[in-house]
Amino acid sequence: MSQYILEFISFLESKNFSANTLRAYMKDLEEFSGFISKDLDKVDFKDIEKYIRYLSEEGKEDSTIERKLSSIKSFFRFLEERGYVKYNPAELVPFRKRKTRIPSYLDEDEALDLTDTDKERDRLAILILYGCGLRVSELENLKLENISGDFLKIYGKGGKWRSVPIPTYVREEIDFYIKNIRPKYLRDEDDGYLLLNKYGKKLSSRYIRKIVKRQGFLKTGKNVWPHLLRHSYATHLLKNQADIRVIQELLGHSSINTTQKYVHTNINEIVSIYKKVHPRESEE
């Protein structure tokens, strides 16, 4: 099956899928292939259902199982279109009903406490994640050319560009870092990435996660990861009465349903606002 996986990944690469997405597809399909251990034309929907049950029994999150099944469905759809298999067995396997999970978030003081560090680069990484609501991969690939005035030009999921406003306090930190700190990390060649490691290359997503986790434990005693800062960014915008469709644009969500989960997170604030503005409620 490996040769077909490589051909599928090559196809996705030609469609400008991100490196992170390609790695995820590769990992998902290699794990599936190792579990099945059958010739491609012998795989049927029962094999896929068995694999899904195995993932569930192993305690995998619903979102992880859904992503892996989506990878398998896309893979077999590709094989069917190319004539490598007669039909797509994964089409007969339904997605599991996911449990609704309300995302965790930090309060404003906790989020800003994470920036209390003498390491200017690390502080800037956290400030941008929280202050601009970026995904960790978007921060990893942020270049100097993407900083324009008071906005970041972000290349996000699905190959879509969006503009994200930079809070004044974050913009000041960016300017200071570019002028005084970034030159210290430069080596022979400058690839233009904002955050650099000690070798002058872009700071990896993996290392950014380590920075956030370390600061989260030191300052709050909690398990903190980059996406938690993104959750916090969205929740705090909503708390301050930002329109949910504006938040959708800022986060780069293709569907309002994805953004909608933050409404559940902040339901107490929404009820409070409702009682203040609804005419009958305000009469009481």
Protein backbone atom coordinates (compact mmCIF):
# COMPACT_ATOMS: atom_id res chain seq x y z
CA MET A 1 0.00 0.00 0.00
CA SER A 2 2.97 2.28 0.59
CA GLN A 3 3.50 3.16 -3.08
CA TYR A 4 -0.11 4.28 -3.38
CA ILE A 5 0.19 6.37 -0.22
CA LEU A 6 3.21 8.14 -1.67
CA GLU A 7 1.36 8.78 -4.92
CA PHE A 8 -1.59 10.19 -2.96
CA ILE A 9 0.68 12.47 -0.90
CA SER A 10 2.35 13.65 -4.12
CA PHE A 11 -1.10 14.47 -5.51
CA LEU A 12 -1.98 16.50 -2.40
CA GLU A 13 1.35 18.31 -2.62
CA SER A 14 0.49 19.35 -6.19
CA LYS A 15 -2.68 20.89 -4.76
CA ASN A 16 -0.60 23.10 -2.41
CA PHE A 17 -1.58 21.37 0.84
CA SER A 18 0.59 22.56 3.73
CA ALA A 19 3.56 20.53 4.97
CA ASN A 20 1.78 19.91 8.28
CA THR A 21 -1.30 18.55 6.49
CA LEU A 22 0.83 16.29 4.31
CA ARG A 23 2.60 14.90 7.37
CA ALA A 24 -0.74 14.24 9.07
CA TYR A 25 -2.10 12.37 6.03
CA MET A 26 1.09 10.35 5.75
CA LYS A 27 1.05 9.37 9.42
CA ASP A 28 -2.65 8.46 9.39
CA LEU A 29 -2.37 6.30 6.30
CA GLU A 30 0.84 4.57 7.37
CA GLU A 31 -0.77 3.66 10.71
CA PHE A 32 -3.85 2.36 8.91
CA SER A 33 -1.73 0.35 6.50
CA GLY A 34 0.25 -1.19 9.37
CA PHE A 35 -2.96 -2.20 11.14
CA ILE A 36 -4.68 -3.70 8.09
CA SER A 37 -1.71 -5.61 6.60
CA LYS A 38 -3.76 -6.56 3.51
CA ASP A 39 -3.49 -6.00 -0.20
CA LEU A 40 -5.26 -2.83 -1.28
CA ASP A 41 -7.95 -4.54 -3.35
CA LYS A 42 -8.80 -6.84 -0.43
CA VAL A 43 -9.66 -4.02 2.01
CA ASP A 44 -13.39 -3.67 2.68
CA PHE A 45 -15.53 -1.50 4.95
CA LYS A 46 -15.39 -4.09 7.75
CA ASP A 47 -11.62 -3.68 7.94
CA ILE A 48 -12.02 0.07 8.28
CA GLU A 49 -14.73 -0.30 10.92
CA LYS A 50 -12.45 -2.66 12.83
CA TYR A 51 -9.68 -0.06 12.72
CA ILE A 52 -12.04 2.66 13.98
CA ARG A 53 -13.12 0.43 16.88
CA TYR A 54 -9.47 -0.22 17.69
CA LEU A 55 -8.73 3.51 17.83
CA SER A 56 -11.70 4.03 20.14
CA GLU A 57 -10.62 1.20 22.44
CA GLU A 58 -7.15 2.74 22.56
CA GLY A 59 -8.74 5.87 23.99
CA LYS A 60 -8.17 8.16 21.01
CA GLU A 61 -10.11 11.42 21.03
CA ASP A 62 -13.19 11.64 18.81
CA SER A 63 -11.57 14.45 16.84
CA THR A 64 -8.49 12.28 16.19
CA ILE A 65 -10.59 9.33 15.05
CA GLU A 66 -12.62 11.61 12.79
CA ARG A 67 -9.48 13.02 11.21
CA LYS A 68 -8.01 9.57 10.59
CA LEU A 69 -11.25 8.33 9.00
CA SER A 70 -11.34 11.45 6.85
CA SER A 71 -7.79 10.68 5.68
CA ILE A 72 -8.79 7.12 4.80
CA LYS A 73 -11.91 8.28 2.94
CA SER A 74 -9.88 10.79 0.90
CA PHE A 75 -7.23 8.18 0.14
CA PHE A 76 -9.69 5.61 -1.19
CA ARG A 77 -11.60 8.27 -3.11
CA PHE A 78 -8.33 9.11 -4.85
CA LEU A 79 -7.67 5.42 -5.56
CA GLU A 80 -11.16 4.96 -6.97
CA GLU A 81 -10.81 7.97 -9.25
CA ARG A 82 -7.46 6.65 -10.52
CA GLY A 83 -8.92 3.19 -11.13
CA TYR A 84 -6.70 1.44 -8.58
CA VAL A 85 -9.74 0.07 -6.70
CA LYS A 86 -13.24 -0.72 -7.95
CA TYR A 87 -15.02 1.17 -5.19
CA ASN A 88 -14.35 3.23 -2.09
CA PRO A 89 -15.02 0.99 0.95
CA ALA A 90 -14.57 3.93 3.34
CA GLU A 91 -17.71 5.61 1.97
CA LEU A 92 -19.74 2.94 3.77
CA VAL A 93 -18.20 3.85 7.14
CA PRO A 94 -20.05 6.74 8.80
CA PHE A 95 -18.39 9.36 10.96
CA ARG A 96 -18.96 8.84 14.65
CA LYS A 97 -21.22 11.23 16.53
CA ARG A 98 -18.81 13.52 18.31
CA LYS A 99 -19.33 14.68 21.84
CA THR A 100 -19.65 18.42 22.15
CA ARG A 101 -16.64 19.71 24.00
CA ILE A 102 -16.43 23.23 25.32
CA PRO A 103 -12.89 24.52 24.81
CA SER A 104 -10.89 25.52 27.85
CA TYR A 105 -9.45 29.00 28.10
CA LEU A 106 -7.33 31.20 30.34
CA ASP A 107 -8.59 34.43 31.82
CA GLU A 108 -6.97 37.67 30.68
CA ASP A 109 -4.56 37.94 33.60
CA GLU A 110 -3.41 34.31 33.25
CA ALA A 111 -2.77 34.75 29.53
CA LEU A 112 -0.68 37.86 30.07
CA ASP A 113 1.16 36.27 33.03
CA LEU A 114 2.65 33.81 30.54
CA THR A 115 4.55 36.69 28.92
CA ASP A 116 6.45 37.39 32.15
CA THR A 117 9.85 36.16 31.00
CA ASP A 118 13.24 37.75 30.33
CA LYS A 119 13.52 35.87 27.02
CA GLU A 120 12.24 38.44 24.53
CA ARG A 121 11.74 35.96 21.69
CA ASP A 122 9.69 33.61 23.88
CA ARG A 123 7.61 36.49 25.20
CA LEU A 124 6.88 37.67 21.66
CA ALA A 125 5.81 34.18 20.58
CA ILE A 126 3.24 34.02 23.39
CA LEU A 127 2.08 37.60 22.79
CA ILE A 128 1.36 36.89 19.12
CA LEU A 129 -0.40 33.59 19.82
CA TYR A 130 -2.69 35.24 22.35
CA GLY A 131 -2.85 38.79 20.98
CA CYS A 132 -3.55 37.74 17.38
CA GLY A 133 -5.13 34.30 17.82
CA LEU A 134 -2.77 32.49 15.46
CA ARG A 135 -2.40 28.75 15.03
CA VAL A 136 1.06 27.56 16.04
CA SER A 137 1.86 26.60 12.42
CA GLU A 138 0.89 30.12 11.31
CA LEU A 139 3.28 31.64 13.84
CA GLU A 140 6.04 29.24 12.82
CA ASN A 141 5.75 30.38 9.18
CA LEU A 142 5.22 34.09 9.88
CA LYS A 143 7.70 36.19 7.89
CA LEU A 144 8.76 39.82 8.13
CA GLU A 145 7.05 40.48 4.81
CA ASN A 146 3.74 39.39 6.38
CA ILE A 147 3.85 42.30 8.84
CA SER A 148 2.27 45.36 7.28
CA GLY A 149 1.45 48.34 9.44
CA ASP A 150 -1.01 47.26 12.10
CA PHE A 151 -1.90 43.96 10.41
CA LEU A 152 -0.49 40.49 9.94
CA LYS A 153 -1.11 38.81 6.61
CA ILE A 154 -1.64 35.15 7.52
CA TYR A 155 -1.59 32.14 5.20
CA GLY A 156 -3.90 29.74 6.98
CA LYS A 157 -5.68 26.42 6.55
CA GLY A 158 -7.02 25.59 3.11
CA GLY A 159 -4.51 27.91 1.47
CA LYS A 160 -6.49 31.01 2.43
CA TRP A 161 -5.04 34.40 3.31
CA ARG A 162 -6.52 36.61 6.01
CA SER A 163 -5.58 39.88 7.67
CA VAL A 164 -5.35 39.99 11.46
CA PRO A 165 -5.04 43.27 13.37
CA ILE A 166 -2.05 43.59 15.70
CA PRO A 167 -2.79 45.04 19.15
CA THR A 168 -0.61 48.06 19.95
CA TYR A 169 1.23 46.30 22.79
CA VAL A 170 2.07 43.39 20.48
CA ARG A 171 3.19 45.68 17.66
CA GLU A 172 5.59 47.44 20.04
CA GLU A 173 7.09 44.09 21.07
CA ILE A 174 7.46 43.06 17.42
CA ASP A 175 9.28 46.29 16.55
CA PHE A 176 11.62 45.95 19.53
CA TYR A 177 12.36 42.31 18.72
CA ILE A 178 13.08 42.99 15.02
CA LYS A 179 15.43 45.86 15.84
CA ASN A 180 17.24 44.54 18.90
CA ILE A 181 16.79 40.78 19.32
CA ARG A 182 16.32 39.11 15.95
CA PRO A 183 19.74 40.21 14.60
CA LYS A 184 21.38 38.18 17.39
CA TYR A 185 19.88 34.99 15.95
CA LEU A 186 20.86 35.67 12.35
CA ARG A 187 23.56 33.54 10.74
CA ASP A 188 24.80 33.38 7.15
CA GLU A 189 21.44 33.36 5.40
CA ASP A 190 18.23 35.18 6.32
CA ASP A 191 15.09 33.34 5.20
CA GLY A 192 12.90 36.16 6.47
CA TYR A 193 11.05 34.32 9.24
CA LEU A 194 10.14 36.44 12.24
CA LEU A 195 11.02 33.99 15.02
CA LEU A 196 14.41 32.32 14.72
CA ASN A 197 16.23 29.56 16.57
CA LYS A 198 19.89 29.61 17.55
CA TYR A 199 20.85 28.36 14.10
CA GLY A 200 19.18 31.26 12.34
CA LYS A 201 16.33 29.10 11.02
CA LYS A 202 12.64 29.47 11.73
CA LEU A 203 11.52 28.51 15.21
CA SER A 204 9.63 25.21 14.91
CA SER A 205 6.07 24.55 16.04
CA ARG A 206 7.44 21.90 18.36
CA TYR A 207 9.71 24.37 20.13
CA ILE A 208 6.97 27.00 20.35
CA ARG A 209 4.81 24.41 22.11
CA LYS A 210 7.65 23.80 24.58
CA ILE A 211 7.89 27.54 25.29
CA VAL A 212 4.16 27.81 25.95
CA LYS A 213 4.05 24.66 28.07
CA ARG A 214 7.01 25.77 30.19
CA GLN A 215 5.63 29.25 30.80
CA GLY A 216 2.15 27.90 31.42
CA PHE A 217 3.36 25.62 34.18
CA LEU A 218 5.65 28.25 35.72
CA LYS A 219 3.08 31.06 35.77
CA THR A 220 -0.28 29.32 36.18
CA GLY A 221 0.49 25.76 37.27
CA LYS A 222 -1.73 24.60 34.40
CA ASN A 223 -1.15 22.55 31.28
CA VAL A 224 -1.08 25.22 28.58
CA TRP A 225 -0.62 24.71 24.85
CA PRO A 226 -0.68 27.17 21.90
CA HIS A 227 -4.25 26.40 20.82
CA LEU A 228 -5.44 27.19 24.33
CA LEU A 229 -4.18 30.74 23.79
CA ARG A 230 -6.15 30.85 20.52
CA HIS A 231 -9.25 29.68 22.43
CA SER A 232 -8.61 32.39 25.01
CA TYR A 233 -8.23 35.05 22.30
CA ALA A 234 -11.62 34.13 20.78
CA THR A 235 -13.35 33.85 24.14
CA HIS A 236 -12.09 37.23 25.33
CA LEU A 237 -13.20 38.88 22.08
CA LEU A 238 -16.65 37.41 22.52
CA LYS A 239 -16.70 38.47 26.17
CA ASN A 240 -16.08 42.03 25.02
CA GLN A 241 -19.08 41.76 22.67
CA ALA A 242 -17.25 41.26 19.36
CA ASP A 243 -19.53 39.95 16.61
CA ILE A 244 -19.10 36.21 16.15
CA ARG A 245 -18.71 36.59 12.37
CA VAL A 246 -15.85 39.01 12.93
CA ILE A 247 -14.25 36.42 15.21
CA GLN A 248 -14.77 33.82 12.48
CA GLU A 249 -12.82 35.99 10.03
CA LEU A 250 -10.04 36.69 12.51
CA LEU A 251 -9.59 33.00 13.31
CA GLY A 252 -9.77 31.94 9.67
CA HIS A 253 -12.63 29.48 10.21
CA SER A 254 -14.29 28.38 6.98
CA SER A 255 -17.55 27.66 8.84
CA ILE A 256 -19.38 29.67 11.47
CA ASN A 257 -20.16 26.36 13.19
CA THR A 258 -16.51 26.04 14.20
CA THR A 259 -16.56 29.49 15.78
CA GLN A 260 -19.91 28.80 17.43
CA LYS A 261 -18.31 26.65 20.13
CA TYR A 262 -16.98 29.81 21.80
CA VAL A 263 -20.56 30.90 22.38
CA HIS A 264 -21.00 27.91 24.67
CA THR A 265 -17.79 28.77 26.46
CA ASN A 266 -19.01 32.25 27.26
CA ILE A 267 -22.68 31.56 27.85
CA ASN A 268 -22.78 33.33 31.25
CA GLU A 269 -21.55 36.59 29.71
CA ILE A 270 -24.07 36.25 26.86
CA VAL A 271 -26.97 35.75 29.29
CA SER A 272 -25.82 38.82 31.22
CA ILE A 273 -25.69 40.95 28.05
CA TYR A 274 -29.09 39.63 26.97
CA LYS A 275 -30.67 40.67 30.24
CA LYS A 276 -29.24 44.18 29.88
CA VAL A 277 -30.36 44.80 26.29
CA HIS A 278 -33.60 42.85 25.88
CA PRO A 279 -36.51 45.30 26.41
CA ARG A 280 -38.64 43.03 28.59
CA GLU A 281 -35.70 41.86 30.66
CA SER A 282 -34.48 45.42 31.25
CA GLU A 283 -37.93 46.47 32.51
CA GLU A 284 -37.71 44.15 35.51
